[in-house]
Every structure is written in C-alpha cells, then in structure tokens.
N, C-alpha and C. Protein backbone atom coordinates (compact mmCIF):
# COMPACT_ATOMS: atom_id res chain seq x y z
N UNK A 1 -8.97 -43.26 -62.45
CA UNK A 1 -9.75 -42.97 -63.64
C UNK A 1 -10.31 -41.56 -63.55
N UNK A 2 -10.37 -40.89 -64.66
CA UNK A 2 -10.90 -39.53 -64.68
C UNK A 2 -12.42 -39.52 -64.73
N UNK A 3 -13.01 -40.50 -65.36
CA UNK A 3 -14.47 -40.62 -65.38
C UNK A 3 -14.84 -41.85 -64.58
N UNK A 4 -15.81 -41.72 -63.69
CA UNK A 4 -16.09 -42.81 -62.75
C UNK A 4 -17.41 -43.51 -63.02
N UNK A 5 -18.00 -43.35 -64.19
CA UNK A 5 -19.30 -43.95 -64.46
C UNK A 5 -19.20 -45.39 -64.97
N UNK A 6 -17.97 -45.94 -65.06
CA UNK A 6 -17.81 -47.29 -65.58
C UNK A 6 -17.68 -48.30 -64.46
N UNK A 7 -18.15 -49.51 -64.71
CA UNK A 7 -18.03 -50.59 -63.73
C UNK A 7 -16.83 -51.48 -64.04
N UNK A 8 -16.62 -51.79 -65.32
CA UNK A 8 -15.49 -52.63 -65.72
C UNK A 8 -14.27 -51.75 -65.98
N UNK A 9 -13.11 -52.28 -65.61
CA UNK A 9 -11.88 -51.55 -65.88
C UNK A 9 -11.56 -51.68 -67.36
N UNK A 10 -11.45 -50.56 -68.08
CA UNK A 10 -11.15 -50.63 -69.51
C UNK A 10 -9.71 -51.07 -69.77
N UNK A 11 -9.48 -51.63 -70.94
CA UNK A 11 -8.13 -52.05 -71.33
C UNK A 11 -7.23 -50.85 -71.56
N UNK A 12 -7.83 -49.73 -71.97
CA UNK A 12 -7.09 -48.51 -72.27
C UNK A 12 -7.49 -47.47 -71.23
N UNK A 13 -6.53 -46.95 -70.48
CA UNK A 13 -6.84 -45.98 -69.43
C UNK A 13 -7.24 -44.64 -70.04
N UNK A 14 -7.84 -43.79 -69.20
CA UNK A 14 -8.23 -42.46 -69.65
C UNK A 14 -7.02 -41.65 -70.07
N UNK A 15 -5.94 -41.76 -69.33
CA UNK A 15 -4.72 -41.02 -69.67
C UNK A 15 -4.13 -41.49 -71.00
N UNK A 16 -4.19 -42.79 -71.25
CA UNK A 16 -3.71 -43.31 -72.53
C UNK A 16 -4.59 -42.81 -73.68
N UNK A 17 -5.90 -42.77 -73.45
CA UNK A 17 -6.81 -42.28 -74.47
C UNK A 17 -6.55 -40.81 -74.77
N UNK A 18 -6.33 -40.01 -73.73
CA UNK A 18 -6.01 -38.59 -73.93
C UNK A 18 -4.69 -38.45 -74.69
N UNK A 19 -3.70 -39.25 -74.35
CA UNK A 19 -2.40 -39.19 -75.04
C UNK A 19 -2.55 -39.56 -76.51
N UNK A 20 -3.34 -40.59 -76.80
CA UNK A 20 -3.56 -40.99 -78.19
C UNK A 20 -4.26 -39.88 -78.96
N UNK A 21 -5.27 -39.28 -78.34
CA UNK A 21 -6.03 -38.23 -79.02
C UNK A 21 -5.17 -37.00 -79.31
N UNK A 22 -4.39 -36.57 -78.34
CA UNK A 22 -3.54 -35.40 -78.55
C UNK A 22 -2.44 -35.72 -79.57
N UNK A 23 -1.91 -36.92 -79.53
CA UNK A 23 -0.91 -37.33 -80.53
C UNK A 23 -1.51 -37.37 -81.93
N UNK A 24 -2.75 -37.86 -82.04
CA UNK A 24 -3.42 -37.89 -83.34
C UNK A 24 -3.63 -36.48 -83.88
N UNK A 25 -4.00 -35.56 -83.01
CA UNK A 25 -4.16 -34.17 -83.44
C UNK A 25 -2.83 -33.59 -83.90
N UNK A 26 -1.76 -33.90 -83.18
CA UNK A 26 -0.43 -33.42 -83.55
C UNK A 26 -0.01 -33.96 -84.91
N UNK A 27 -0.37 -35.22 -85.19
CA UNK A 27 -0.02 -35.85 -86.47
C UNK A 27 -1.02 -35.52 -87.57
N UNK A 28 -1.99 -34.66 -87.28
CA UNK A 28 -3.05 -34.25 -88.23
C UNK A 28 -3.88 -35.43 -88.70
N UNK A 29 -4.11 -36.38 -87.81
CA UNK A 29 -5.01 -37.50 -88.10
C UNK A 29 -6.36 -37.10 -87.55
N UNK A 30 -7.26 -36.65 -88.42
CA UNK A 30 -8.52 -36.09 -87.94
C UNK A 30 -9.62 -37.12 -87.79
N UNK A 31 -10.07 -37.76 -88.86
CA UNK A 31 -11.17 -38.72 -88.66
C UNK A 31 -10.69 -39.94 -87.88
N UNK A 32 -11.59 -40.48 -87.07
CA UNK A 32 -11.23 -41.62 -86.24
C UNK A 32 -10.89 -42.85 -87.06
N UNK A 33 -11.53 -43.01 -88.22
CA UNK A 33 -11.20 -44.19 -89.03
C UNK A 33 -9.76 -44.14 -89.50
N UNK A 34 -9.23 -42.93 -89.76
CA UNK A 34 -7.81 -42.81 -90.13
C UNK A 34 -6.92 -43.17 -88.95
N UNK A 35 -7.32 -42.74 -87.76
CA UNK A 35 -6.54 -43.06 -86.56
C UNK A 35 -6.51 -44.56 -86.34
N UNK A 36 -7.65 -45.22 -86.47
CA UNK A 36 -7.69 -46.65 -86.23
C UNK A 36 -6.98 -47.43 -87.33
N UNK A 37 -6.97 -46.91 -88.54
CA UNK A 37 -6.19 -47.54 -89.60
C UNK A 37 -4.70 -47.38 -89.31
N UNK A 38 -4.32 -46.21 -88.81
CA UNK A 38 -2.93 -45.94 -88.46
C UNK A 38 -2.46 -46.85 -87.32
N UNK A 39 -3.35 -47.12 -86.37
CA UNK A 39 -3.00 -47.93 -85.20
C UNK A 39 -3.25 -49.42 -85.40
N UNK A 40 -3.69 -49.83 -86.59
CA UNK A 40 -4.13 -51.21 -86.79
C UNK A 40 -3.04 -52.25 -86.57
N UNK A 41 -1.79 -51.93 -86.82
CA UNK A 41 -0.71 -52.91 -86.63
C UNK A 41 0.18 -52.57 -85.44
N UNK A 42 -0.38 -51.86 -84.47
CA UNK A 42 0.42 -51.47 -83.31
C UNK A 42 -0.01 -52.26 -82.08
N UNK A 43 0.64 -51.98 -80.97
CA UNK A 43 0.30 -52.64 -79.71
C UNK A 43 -1.09 -52.22 -79.22
N UNK A 44 -1.61 -51.12 -79.73
CA UNK A 44 -2.92 -50.62 -79.30
C UNK A 44 -4.07 -51.27 -80.06
N UNK A 45 -3.75 -52.03 -81.08
CA UNK A 45 -4.79 -52.67 -81.90
C UNK A 45 -5.62 -53.62 -81.03
N UNK A 46 -6.92 -53.44 -81.05
CA UNK A 46 -7.83 -54.31 -80.31
C UNK A 46 -8.08 -53.90 -78.87
N UNK A 47 -7.44 -52.84 -78.40
CA UNK A 47 -7.66 -52.41 -77.03
C UNK A 47 -8.95 -51.61 -76.86
N UNK A 48 -9.41 -50.98 -77.93
CA UNK A 48 -10.62 -50.16 -77.84
C UNK A 48 -11.28 -50.12 -79.21
N UNK A 49 -12.60 -50.12 -79.21
CA UNK A 49 -13.36 -50.00 -80.46
C UNK A 49 -13.59 -48.53 -80.77
N UNK A 50 -13.85 -48.24 -82.03
CA UNK A 50 -14.05 -46.85 -82.44
C UNK A 50 -15.20 -46.19 -81.71
N UNK A 51 -16.33 -46.88 -81.58
CA UNK A 51 -17.49 -46.27 -80.92
C UNK A 51 -17.20 -45.99 -79.45
N UNK A 52 -16.50 -46.90 -78.79
CA UNK A 52 -16.14 -46.70 -77.38
C UNK A 52 -15.12 -45.56 -77.27
N UNK A 53 -14.16 -45.53 -78.19
CA UNK A 53 -13.17 -44.46 -78.22
C UNK A 53 -13.85 -43.10 -78.35
N UNK A 54 -14.79 -43.00 -79.28
CA UNK A 54 -15.48 -41.74 -79.52
C UNK A 54 -16.29 -41.32 -78.29
N UNK A 55 -16.99 -42.25 -77.69
CA UNK A 55 -17.81 -41.94 -76.50
C UNK A 55 -16.93 -41.48 -75.34
N UNK A 56 -15.85 -42.20 -75.10
CA UNK A 56 -14.95 -41.83 -74.01
C UNK A 56 -14.23 -40.52 -74.31
N UNK A 57 -13.90 -40.28 -75.57
CA UNK A 57 -13.24 -39.03 -75.95
C UNK A 57 -14.15 -37.84 -75.67
N UNK A 58 -15.42 -37.98 -75.96
CA UNK A 58 -16.37 -36.90 -75.66
C UNK A 58 -16.49 -36.67 -74.16
N UNK A 59 -16.50 -37.74 -73.37
CA UNK A 59 -16.60 -37.60 -71.92
C UNK A 59 -15.35 -36.95 -71.33
N UNK A 60 -14.21 -37.16 -71.96
CA UNK A 60 -12.94 -36.65 -71.46
C UNK A 60 -12.56 -35.30 -72.06
N UNK A 61 -13.49 -34.66 -72.76
CA UNK A 61 -13.19 -33.41 -73.47
C UNK A 61 -12.58 -32.35 -72.54
N UNK A 62 -13.20 -32.12 -71.39
CA UNK A 62 -12.71 -31.07 -70.50
C UNK A 62 -11.34 -31.41 -69.91
N UNK A 63 -11.08 -32.67 -69.68
CA UNK A 63 -9.76 -33.07 -69.21
C UNK A 63 -8.71 -32.85 -70.30
N UNK A 64 -9.08 -33.15 -71.56
CA UNK A 64 -8.15 -32.93 -72.66
C UNK A 64 -7.86 -31.44 -72.84
N UNK A 65 -8.88 -30.62 -72.66
CA UNK A 65 -8.67 -29.17 -72.75
C UNK A 65 -7.72 -28.69 -71.66
N UNK A 66 -7.84 -29.24 -70.47
CA UNK A 66 -6.92 -28.87 -69.38
C UNK A 66 -5.49 -29.28 -69.72
N UNK A 67 -5.32 -30.45 -70.31
CA UNK A 67 -3.98 -30.90 -70.72
C UNK A 67 -3.43 -29.96 -71.78
N UNK A 68 -4.27 -29.57 -72.73
CA UNK A 68 -3.82 -28.64 -73.78
C UNK A 68 -3.39 -27.30 -73.18
N UNK A 69 -4.18 -26.80 -72.22
CA UNK A 69 -3.83 -25.52 -71.58
C UNK A 69 -2.51 -25.62 -70.84
N UNK A 70 -2.29 -26.75 -70.16
CA UNK A 70 -1.01 -26.94 -69.47
C UNK A 70 0.15 -27.00 -70.46
N UNK A 71 -0.06 -27.66 -71.60
CA UNK A 71 0.98 -27.74 -72.62
C UNK A 71 1.29 -26.36 -73.18
N UNK A 72 0.25 -25.58 -73.44
CA UNK A 72 0.44 -24.22 -73.97
C UNK A 72 1.20 -23.37 -72.96
N UNK A 73 0.85 -23.50 -71.68
CA UNK A 73 1.54 -22.74 -70.65
C UNK A 73 3.03 -23.11 -70.61
N UNK A 74 3.34 -24.38 -70.75
CA UNK A 74 4.74 -24.82 -70.77
C UNK A 74 5.48 -24.27 -71.98
N UNK A 75 4.82 -24.29 -73.15
CA UNK A 75 5.45 -23.77 -74.36
C UNK A 75 5.65 -22.26 -74.26
N UNK A 76 4.69 -21.57 -73.67
CA UNK A 76 4.81 -20.11 -73.54
C UNK A 76 5.95 -19.71 -72.63
N UNK A 77 6.30 -20.54 -71.67
CA UNK A 77 7.42 -20.24 -70.78
C UNK A 77 8.76 -20.31 -71.52
N UNK A 78 8.84 -21.16 -72.52
CA UNK A 78 10.11 -21.41 -73.20
C UNK A 78 10.24 -20.62 -74.49
N UNK A 79 9.19 -20.56 -75.27
CA UNK A 79 9.25 -19.98 -76.61
C UNK A 79 8.76 -18.54 -76.62
N UNK A 80 9.33 -17.76 -77.52
CA UNK A 80 8.87 -16.38 -77.71
C UNK A 80 8.26 -16.19 -79.09
N UNK A 81 8.54 -17.11 -80.01
CA UNK A 81 8.03 -17.02 -81.37
C UNK A 81 7.35 -18.32 -81.74
N UNK A 82 6.19 -18.20 -82.37
CA UNK A 82 5.44 -19.37 -82.81
C UNK A 82 5.12 -19.23 -84.28
N UNK A 83 5.12 -20.34 -84.99
CA UNK A 83 4.73 -20.37 -86.39
C UNK A 83 3.41 -21.12 -86.48
N UNK A 84 2.44 -20.49 -87.12
CA UNK A 84 1.13 -21.11 -87.28
C UNK A 84 0.98 -21.53 -88.73
N UNK A 85 0.75 -22.79 -88.95
CA UNK A 85 0.56 -23.33 -90.30
C UNK A 85 -0.93 -23.38 -90.57
N UNK A 86 -1.37 -22.68 -91.58
CA UNK A 86 -2.80 -22.65 -91.87
C UNK A 86 -3.03 -22.54 -93.37
N UNK A 87 -4.27 -22.63 -93.74
CA UNK A 87 -4.67 -22.53 -95.14
C UNK A 87 -5.22 -21.13 -95.38
N UNK A 88 -4.79 -20.45 -96.43
CA UNK A 88 -5.38 -19.13 -96.70
C UNK A 88 -6.85 -19.27 -97.08
N UNK A 89 -7.66 -18.45 -96.46
CA UNK A 89 -9.09 -18.47 -96.74
C UNK A 89 -9.49 -17.20 -97.47
N UNK A 90 -10.33 -17.35 -98.46
CA UNK A 90 -10.83 -16.20 -99.20
C UNK A 90 -11.95 -15.57 -98.39
N UNK A 91 -11.71 -14.36 -97.92
CA UNK A 91 -12.69 -13.69 -97.07
C UNK A 91 -13.71 -12.94 -97.91
N UNK A 92 -13.26 -12.25 -98.91
CA UNK A 92 -14.20 -11.53 -99.77
C UNK A 92 -13.78 -11.73 -101.23
N UNK A 93 -14.73 -11.62 -102.10
CA UNK A 93 -14.47 -11.81 -103.53
C UNK A 93 -14.53 -10.46 -104.24
N UNK A 94 -13.77 -10.36 -105.31
CA UNK A 94 -13.86 -9.17 -106.16
C UNK A 94 -15.06 -9.36 -107.07
N UNK A 95 -16.17 -8.78 -106.72
CA UNK A 95 -17.41 -8.97 -107.46
C UNK A 95 -17.34 -8.36 -108.85
N UNK A 96 -16.56 -7.29 -109.02
CA UNK A 96 -16.52 -6.61 -110.31
C UNK A 96 -15.27 -6.94 -111.11
N UNK A 97 -14.51 -7.91 -110.69
CA UNK A 97 -13.25 -8.22 -111.36
C UNK A 97 -13.45 -8.72 -112.78
N UNK A 98 -14.53 -9.42 -113.06
CA UNK A 98 -14.76 -9.98 -114.39
C UNK A 98 -15.56 -9.05 -115.29
N UNK A 99 -15.85 -7.86 -114.86
CA UNK A 99 -16.66 -6.94 -115.68
C UNK A 99 -15.82 -6.11 -116.60
C-alpha cells in the first residue's frame, strides 16, 4: 500500500485507484459523480464509495503526480510532436469596438 494509515485492507488498492483516476482524466470525466455513474455497471461498482474515493485520491496526490511524470518521460522519449487540445480563451477585449 502506498498510504499506511489504514487498518482494514480496502477492496480497491491504491494502484487501482490511481489507475482509475488517471483513466478518468484521460476520458475527460471530471466530476466524481460522472465517474461513478460511468462505473455503475462495471466490475468496480460497489468497491469504493465516492467520499472514500475522494479522500484516498487526495492522499495519493503526490503518487499520482509521480506516475504522470513517469508517463510524460516515456512519451517524451518516443514522440517529437504533441497536439494540445484546448479551448480558446479571450485574454483581452476590444473596449472601443462598439463605439
């Protein structure tokens, strides 16, 4: 286990929780209620409650960041070009455009 403050062995391991969280981010499933709705008819249904998931996810934040860094390092070794999908943000407005 990555976090050792628990007495009972959880049904879902820390590594499984990290894998679910990173997969949810990859699938653009942001709010936890969407994730749990998505997982409601899967083998993971009933293994963890939302509040427990959220608490454990916060405790495992630094471990998840390390996994992300390792993934980025692996991608950087193979790829030379990356495409970033984002939303255009309006940085400044034309204040005098309507005058």
